[in-house]
PDB file of N, CA and C in Angstrom:
ATOM      1  N   MET A   1     -51.379-113.730 315.601  1.00  0.00           N
ATOM      2  CA  MET A   1     -51.748-115.137 315.566  1.00  0.00           C
ATOM      3  C   MET A   1     -53.227-115.333 315.897  1.00  0.00           C
ATOM      4  N   ALA A   2     -53.760-114.561 316.832  1.00  0.00           N
ATOM      5  CA  ALA A   2     -55.148-114.758 317.257  1.00  0.00           C
ATOM      6  C   ALA A   2     -56.138-114.446 316.152  1.00  0.00           C
ATOM      7  N   GLU A   3     -55.778-113.590 315.185  1.00  0.00           N
ATOM      8  CA  GLU A   3     -56.722-113.259 314.123  1.00  0.00           C
ATOM      9  C   GLU A   3     -56.949-114.401 313.135  1.00  0.00           C
ATOM     10  N   TYR A   4     -56.147-115.435 313.187  1.00  0.00           N
ATOM     11  CA  TYR A   4     -56.319-116.581 312.293  1.00  0.00           C
ATOM     12  C   TYR A   4     -57.291-117.624 312.842  1.00  0.00           C
ATOM     13  N   TRP A   5     -57.564-117.600 314.103  1.00  0.00           N
ATOM     14  CA  TRP A   5     -58.399-118.612 314.751  1.00  0.00           C
ATOM     15  C   TRP A   5     -59.818-118.102 314.956  1.00  0.00           C
ATOM     16  N   ARG A   6     -60.784-119.006 314.902  1.00  0.00           N
ATOM     17  CA  ARG A   6     -62.161-118.645 315.230  1.00  0.00           C
ATOM     18  C   ARG A   6     -62.833-119.811 315.951  1.00  0.00           C
ATOM     19  N   VAL A   7     -63.723-119.449 316.844  1.00  0.00           N
ATOM     20  CA  VAL A   7     -64.531-120.422 317.575  1.00  0.00           C
ATOM     21  C   VAL A   7     -65.982-120.041 317.342  1.00  0.00           C
ATOM     22  N   THR A   8     -66.801-121.028 316.973  1.00  0.00           N
ATOM     23  CA  THR A   8     -68.212-120.763 316.699  1.00  0.00           C
ATOM     24  C   THR A   8     -69.079-121.688 317.542  1.00  0.00           C
ATOM     25  N   SER A   9     -70.271-121.212 317.834  1.00  0.00           N
ATOM     26  CA  SER A   9     -71.237-122.057 318.537  1.00  0.00           C
ATOM     27  C   SER A   9     -72.626-121.484 318.319  1.00  0.00           C
ATOM     28  N   GLY A  10     -73.621-122.308 318.549  1.00  0.00           N
ATOM     29  CA  GLY A  10     -74.994-121.856 318.413  1.00  0.00           C
ATOM     30  C   GLY A  10     -75.979-122.899 318.898  1.00  0.00           C
ATOM     31  N   VAL A  11     -77.148-122.416 319.264  1.00  0.00           N
ATOM     32  CA  VAL A  11     -78.225-123.291 319.723  1.00  0.00           C
ATOM     33  C   VAL A  11     -79.521-122.828 319.087  1.00  0.00           C
ATOM     34  N   ASN A  12     -80.289-123.758 318.557  1.00  0.00           N
ATOM     35  CA  ASN A  12     -81.646-123.471 318.094  1.00  0.00           C
ATOM     36  C   ASN A  12     -82.600-123.967 319.167  1.00  0.00           C
ATOM     37  N   TRP A  13     -83.505-123.104 319.582  1.00  0.00           N
ATOM     38  CA  TRP A  13     -84.421-123.427 320.674  1.00  0.00           C
ATOM     39  C   TRP A  13     -85.849-123.377 320.164  1.00  0.00           C
ATOM     40  N   ASN A  14     -86.633-124.393 320.470  1.00  0.00           N
ATOM     41  CA  ASN A  14     -88.043-124.458 320.101  1.00  0.00           C
ATOM     42  C   ASN A  14     -88.853-123.863 321.252  1.00  0.00           C
ATOM     43  N   LEU A  15     -89.416-122.671 321.022  1.00  0.00           N
ATOM     44  CA  LEU A  15     -90.156-121.998 322.088  1.00  0.00           C
ATOM     45  C   LEU A  15     -91.466-122.705 322.433  1.00  0.00           C
ATOM     46  N   THR A  16     -92.087-123.346 321.451  1.00  0.00           N
ATOM     47  CA  THR A  16     -93.352-124.029 321.693  1.00  0.00           C
ATOM     48  C   THR A  16     -93.173-125.215 322.638  1.00  0.00           C
ATOM     49  N   ASP A  17     -92.153-126.052 322.357  1.00  0.00           N
ATOM     50  CA  ASP A  17     -91.910-127.243 323.178  1.00  0.00           C
ATOM     51  C   ASP A  17     -90.915-126.987 324.311  1.00  0.00           C
ATOM     52  N   ASN A  18     -90.295-125.797 324.333  1.00  0.00           N
ATOM     53  CA  ASN A  18     -89.320-125.419 325.351  1.00  0.00           C
ATOM     54  C   ASN A  18     -88.163-126.423 325.438  1.00  0.00           C
ATOM     55  N   ASN A  19     -87.567-126.732 324.289  1.00  0.00           N
ATOM     56  CA  ASN A  19     -86.378-127.582 324.274  1.00  0.00           C
ATOM     57  C   ASN A  19     -85.524-127.226 323.059  1.00  0.00           C
ATOM     58  N   TRP A  20     -84.301-127.712 323.065  1.00  0.00           N
ATOM     59  CA  TRP A  20     -83.394-127.415 321.969  1.00  0.00           C
ATOM     60  C   TRP A  20     -83.636-128.362 320.797  1.00  0.00           C
ATOM     61  N   THR A  21     -83.373-127.879 319.589  1.00  0.00           N
ATOM     62  CA  THR A  21     -83.509-128.716 318.397  1.00  0.00           C
ATOM     63  C   THR A  21     -82.169-128.916 317.693  1.00  0.00           C
ATOM     64  N   ARG A  22     -81.218-127.995 317.890  1.00  0.00           N
ATOM     65  CA  ARG A  22     -79.900-128.144 317.275  1.00  0.00           C
ATOM     66  C   ARG A  22     -78.867-127.390 318.106  1.00  0.00           C
ATOM     67  N   PHE A  23     -77.694-128.012 318.252  1.00  0.00           N
ATOM     68  CA  PHE A  23     -76.556-127.398 318.921  1.00  0.00           C
ATOM     69  C   PHE A  23     -75.354-127.562 318.005  1.00  0.00           C
ATOM     70  N   ARG A  24     -74.550-126.508 317.820  1.00  0.00           N
ATOM     71  CA  ARG A  24     -73.348-126.597 316.998  1.00  0.00           C
ATOM     72  C   ARG A  24     -72.180-125.905 317.684  1.00  0.00           C
ATOM     73  N   ALA A  25     -71.005-126.455 317.469  1.00  0.00           N
ATOM     74  CA  ALA A  25     -69.774-125.870 317.994  1.00  0.00           C
ATOM     75  C   ALA A  25     -68.641-126.226 317.043  1.00  0.00           C
ATOM     76  N   GLY A  26     -67.694-125.322 316.915  1.00  0.00           N
ATOM     77  CA  GLY A  26     -66.573-125.595 316.027  1.00  0.00           C
ATOM     78  C   GLY A  26     -65.388-124.700 316.330  1.00  0.00           C
ATOM     79  N   VAL A  27     -64.253-125.096 315.802  1.00  0.00           N
ATOM     80  CA  VAL A  27     -63.035-124.312 315.909  1.00  0.00           C
ATOM     81  C   VAL A  27     -62.336-124.398 314.552  1.00  0.00           C
ATOM     82  N   GLY A  28     -61.723-123.293 314.133  1.00  0.00           N
ATOM     83  CA  GLY A  28     -61.070-123.285 312.835  1.00  0.00           C
ATOM     84  C   GLY A  28     -59.896-122.331 312.779  1.00  0.00           C
ATOM     85  N   TYR A  29     -59.017-122.566 311.815  1.00  0.00           N
ATOM     86  CA  TYR A  29     -57.838-121.751 311.558  1.00  0.00           C
ATOM     87  C   TYR A  29     -57.851-121.380 310.093  1.00  0.00           C
ATOM     88  N   ASP A  30     -57.520-120.112 309.765  1.00  0.00           N
ATOM     89  CA  ASP A  30     -57.481-119.677 308.367  1.00  0.00           C
ATOM     90  C   ASP A  30     -56.490-118.521 308.233  1.00  0.00           C
ATOM     91  N   ASP A  31     -55.394-118.764 307.502  1.00  0.00           N
ATOM     92  CA  ASP A  31     -54.402-117.710 307.276  1.00  0.00           C
ATOM     93  C   ASP A  31     -54.344-117.286 305.806  1.00  0.00           C
ATOM     94  N   ASP A  32     -55.414-117.521 305.064  1.00  0.00           N
ATOM     95  CA  ASP A  32     -55.564-117.212 303.637  1.00  0.00           C
ATOM     96  C   ASP A  32     -54.741-118.114 302.725  1.00  0.00           C
ATOM     97  N   PHE A  33     -53.958-119.031 303.253  1.00  0.00           N
ATOM     98  CA  PHE A  33     -53.276-120.046 302.461  1.00  0.00           C
ATOM     99  C   PHE A  33     -53.710-121.434 302.905  1.00  0.00           C
ATOM    100  N   LEU A  34     -53.719-121.648 304.196  1.00  0.00           N
ATOM    101  CA  LEU A  34     -54.121-122.923 304.783  1.00  0.00           C
ATOM    102  C   LEU A  34     -55.318-122.686 305.692  1.00  0.00           C
ATOM    103  N   ALA A  35     -56.338-123.504 305.530  1.00  0.00           N
ATOM    104  CA  ALA A  35     -57.513-123.429 306.406  1.00  0.00           C
ATOM    105  C   ALA A  35     -57.874-124.837 306.854  1.00  0.00           C
ATOM    106  N   TYR A  36     -58.146-124.994 308.132  1.00  0.00           N
ATOM    107  CA  TYR A  36     -58.599-126.286 308.651  1.00  0.00           C
ATOM    108  C   TYR A  36     -59.460-126.052 309.880  1.00  0.00           C
ATOM    109  N   GLY A  37     -60.247-127.050 310.203  1.00  0.00           N
ATOM    110  CA  GLY A  37     -61.110-126.920 311.360  1.00  0.00           C
ATOM    111  C   GLY A  37     -61.864-128.200 311.658  1.00  0.00           C
ATOM    112  N   ALA A  38     -62.605-128.152 312.746  1.00  0.00           N
ATOM    113  CA  ALA A  38     -63.409-129.296 313.174  1.00  0.00           C
ATOM    114  C   ALA A  38     -64.688-128.758 313.806  1.00  0.00           C
ATOM    115  N   GLY A  39     -65.745-129.553 313.693  1.00  0.00           N
ATOM    116  CA  GLY A  39     -67.011-129.121 314.252  1.00  0.00           C
ATOM    117  C   GLY A  39     -67.850-130.286 314.740  1.00  0.00           C
ATOM    118  N   TYR A  40     -68.838-129.941 315.516  1.00  0.00           N
ATOM    119  CA  TYR A  40     -69.775-130.921 316.059  1.00  0.00           C
ATOM    120  C   TYR A  40     -71.173-130.316 315.986  1.00  0.00           C
ATOM    121  N   THR A  41     -72.131-131.114 315.547  1.00  0.00           N
ATOM    122  CA  THR A  41     -73.536-130.710 315.515  1.00  0.00           C
ATOM    123  C   THR A  41     -74.375-131.830 316.114  1.00  0.00           C
ATOM    124  N   ALA A  42     -75.317-131.457 316.954  1.00  0.00           N
ATOM    125  CA  ALA A  42     -76.292-132.408 317.497  1.00  0.00           C
ATOM    126  C   ALA A  42     -77.672-131.904 317.104  1.00  0.00           C
ATOM    127  N   LYS A  43     -78.472-132.776 316.479  1.00  0.00           N
ATOM    128  CA  LYS A  43     -79.838-132.430 316.089  1.00  0.00           C
ATOM    129  C   LYS A  43     -80.805-133.318 316.850  1.00  0.00           C
ATOM    130  N   GLN A  44     -81.848-132.719 317.394  1.00  0.00           N
ATOM    131  CA  GLN A  44     -82.849-133.478 318.132  1.00  0.00           C
ATOM    132  C   GLN A  44     -84.159-133.485 317.361  1.00  0.00           C
ATOM    133  N   ASN A  45     -84.695-134.680 317.135  1.00  0.00           N
ATOM    134  CA  ASN A  45     -86.004-134.822 316.507  1.00  0.00           C
ATOM    135  C   ASN A  45     -87.058-134.537 317.572  1.00  0.00           C
ATOM    136  N   ILE A  46     -87.887-133.544 317.322  1.00  0.00           N
ATOM    137  CA  ILE A  46     -88.856-133.111 318.337  1.00  0.00           C
ATOM    138  C   ILE A  46     -89.895-134.188 318.641  1.00  0.00           C
ATOM    139  N   SER A  47     -90.335-134.927 317.625  1.00  0.00           N
ATOM    140  CA  SER A  47     -91.399-135.909 317.863  1.00  0.00           C
ATOM    141  C   SER A  47     -90.897-137.161 318.583  1.00  0.00           C
ATOM    142  N   THR A  48     -89.679-137.619 318.274  1.00  0.00           N
ATOM    143  CA  THR A  48     -89.177-138.851 318.896  1.00  0.00           C
ATOM    144  C   THR A  48     -88.118-138.599 319.962  1.00  0.00           C
ATOM    145  N   LEU A  49     -87.589-137.372 320.038  1.00  0.00           N
ATOM    146  CA  LEU A  49     -86.512-136.980 320.957  1.00  0.00           C
ATOM    147  C   LEU A  49     -85.214-137.732 320.707  1.00  0.00           C
ATOM    148  N   ASP A  50     -85.069-138.375 319.528  1.00  0.00           N
ATOM    149  CA  ASP A  50     -83.802-138.991 319.149  1.00  0.00           C
ATOM    150  C   ASP A  50     -82.802-137.892 318.828  1.00  0.00           C
ATOM    151  N   ILE A  51     -81.531-138.136 319.114  1.00  0.00           N
ATOM    152  CA  ILE A  51     -80.477-137.156 318.862  1.00  0.00           C
ATOM    153  C   ILE A  51     -79.519-137.708 317.819  1.00  0.00           C
ATOM    154  N   GLU A  52     -79.256-136.911 316.781  1.00  0.00           N
ATOM    155  CA  GLU A  52     -78.305-137.270 315.731  1.00  0.00           C
ATOM    156  C   GLU A  52     -77.018-136.493 315.985  1.00  0.00           C
ATOM    157  N   HIS A  53     -75.875-137.189 316.029  1.00  0.00           N
ATOM    158  CA  HIS A  53     -74.573-136.568 316.276  1.00  0.00           C
ATOM    159  C   HIS A  53     -73.796-136.518 314.965  1.00  0.00           C
ATOM    160  N   ILE A  54     -73.267-135.345 314.623  1.00  0.00           N
ATOM    161  CA  ILE A  54     -72.519-135.167 313.381  1.00  0.00           C
ATOM    162  C   ILE A  54     -71.175-134.520 313.719  1.00  0.00           C
ATOM    163  N   PHE A  55     -70.091-135.174 313.315  1.00  0.00           N
ATOM    164  CA  PHE A  55     -68.748-134.644 313.489  1.00  0.00           C
ATOM    165  C   PHE A  55     -68.197-134.295 312.116  1.00  0.00           C
ATOM    166  N   SER A  56     -67.494-133.178 311.997  1.00  0.00           N
ATOM    167  CA  SER A  56     -66.958-132.777 310.690  1.00  0.00           C
ATOM    168  C   SER A  56     -65.547-132.218 310.845  1.00  0.00           C
ATOM    169  N   ILE A  57     -64.755-132.405 309.791  1.00  0.00           N
ATOM    170  CA  ILE A  57     -63.427-131.797 309.702  1.00  0.00           C
ATOM    171  C   ILE A  57     -63.275-131.224 308.299  1.00  0.00           C
ATOM    172  N   ASN A  58     -62.451-130.208 308.163  1.00  0.00           N
ATOM    173  CA  ASN A  58     -62.194-129.662 306.843  1.00  0.00           C
ATOM    174  C   ASN A  58     -60.728-129.256 306.730  1.00  0.00           C
ATOM    175  N   LEU A  59     -60.232-129.298 305.495  1.00  0.00           N
ATOM    176  CA  LEU A  59     -58.874-128.902 305.166  1.00  0.00           C
ATOM    177  C   LEU A  59     -58.914-128.254 303.800  1.00  0.00           C
ATOM    178  N   GLU A  60     -58.294-127.080 303.673  1.00  0.00           N
ATOM    179  CA  GLU A  60     -58.309-126.361 302.401  1.00  0.00           C
ATOM    180  C   GLU A  60     -56.955-125.685 302.204  1.00  0.00           C
ATOM    181  N   LEU A  61     -56.391-125.858 301.016  1.00  0.00           N
ATOM    182  CA  LEU A  61     -55.160-125.179 300.620  1.00  0.00           C
ATOM    183  C   LEU A  61     -55.504-124.227 299.483  1.00  0.00           C
ATOM    184  N   ARG A  62     -54.943-123.019 299.530  1.00  0.00           N
ATOM    185  CA  ARG A  62     -55.189-122.034 298.483  1.00  0.00           C
ATOM    186  C   ARG A  62     -53.871-121.578 297.886  1.00  0.00           C
ATOM    187  N   GLY A  63     -53.914-121.215 296.604  1.00  0.00           N
ATOM    188  CA  GLY A  63     -52.744-120.656 295.932  1.00  0.00           C
ATOM    189  C   GLY A  63     -52.666-119.163 296.177  1.00  0.00           C
ATOM    190  N   PRO A  64     -51.658-118.522 295.607  1.00  0.00           N
ATOM    191  CA  PRO A  64     -51.511-117.076 295.787  1.00  0.00           C
ATOM    192  C   PRO A  64     -52.683-116.325 295.157  1.00  0.00           C
ATOM    193  N   ALA A  65     -53.067-115.221 295.775  1.00  0.00           N
ATOM    194  CA  ALA A  65     -54.190-114.415 295.282  1.00  0.00           C
ATOM    195  C   ALA A  65     -53.789-113.712 293.985  1.00  0.00           C
ATOM    196  N   GLN A  66     -54.709-113.655 293.058  1.00  0.00           N
ATOM    197  CA  GLN A  66     -54.491-112.965 291.790  1.00  0.00           C
ATOM    198  C   GLN A  66     -55.057-111.564 291.877  1.00  0.00           C
ATOM    199  N   ASP A  67     -54.255-110.538 291.617  1.00  0.00           N
ATOM    200  CA  ASP A  67     -54.734-109.150 291.669  1.00  0.00           C
ATOM    201  C   ASP A  67     -55.185-108.679 290.314  1.00  0.00           C
TER     202      ASP A  67
END
């Protein structure tokens, strides 16, 4: 069961300004027939320091594999 699940995350860091510019995190399930997941991304504008929040979900159904 554990091989079907994945957790992802990441941070982009601006070394010049010493602050983050993007953060992402997500969780997903994929058993080669059904795939679904959810994610979150935050982007920071370096000049204005405004933060954009993005939420995402996905759902995918696949048919049998053709050999």
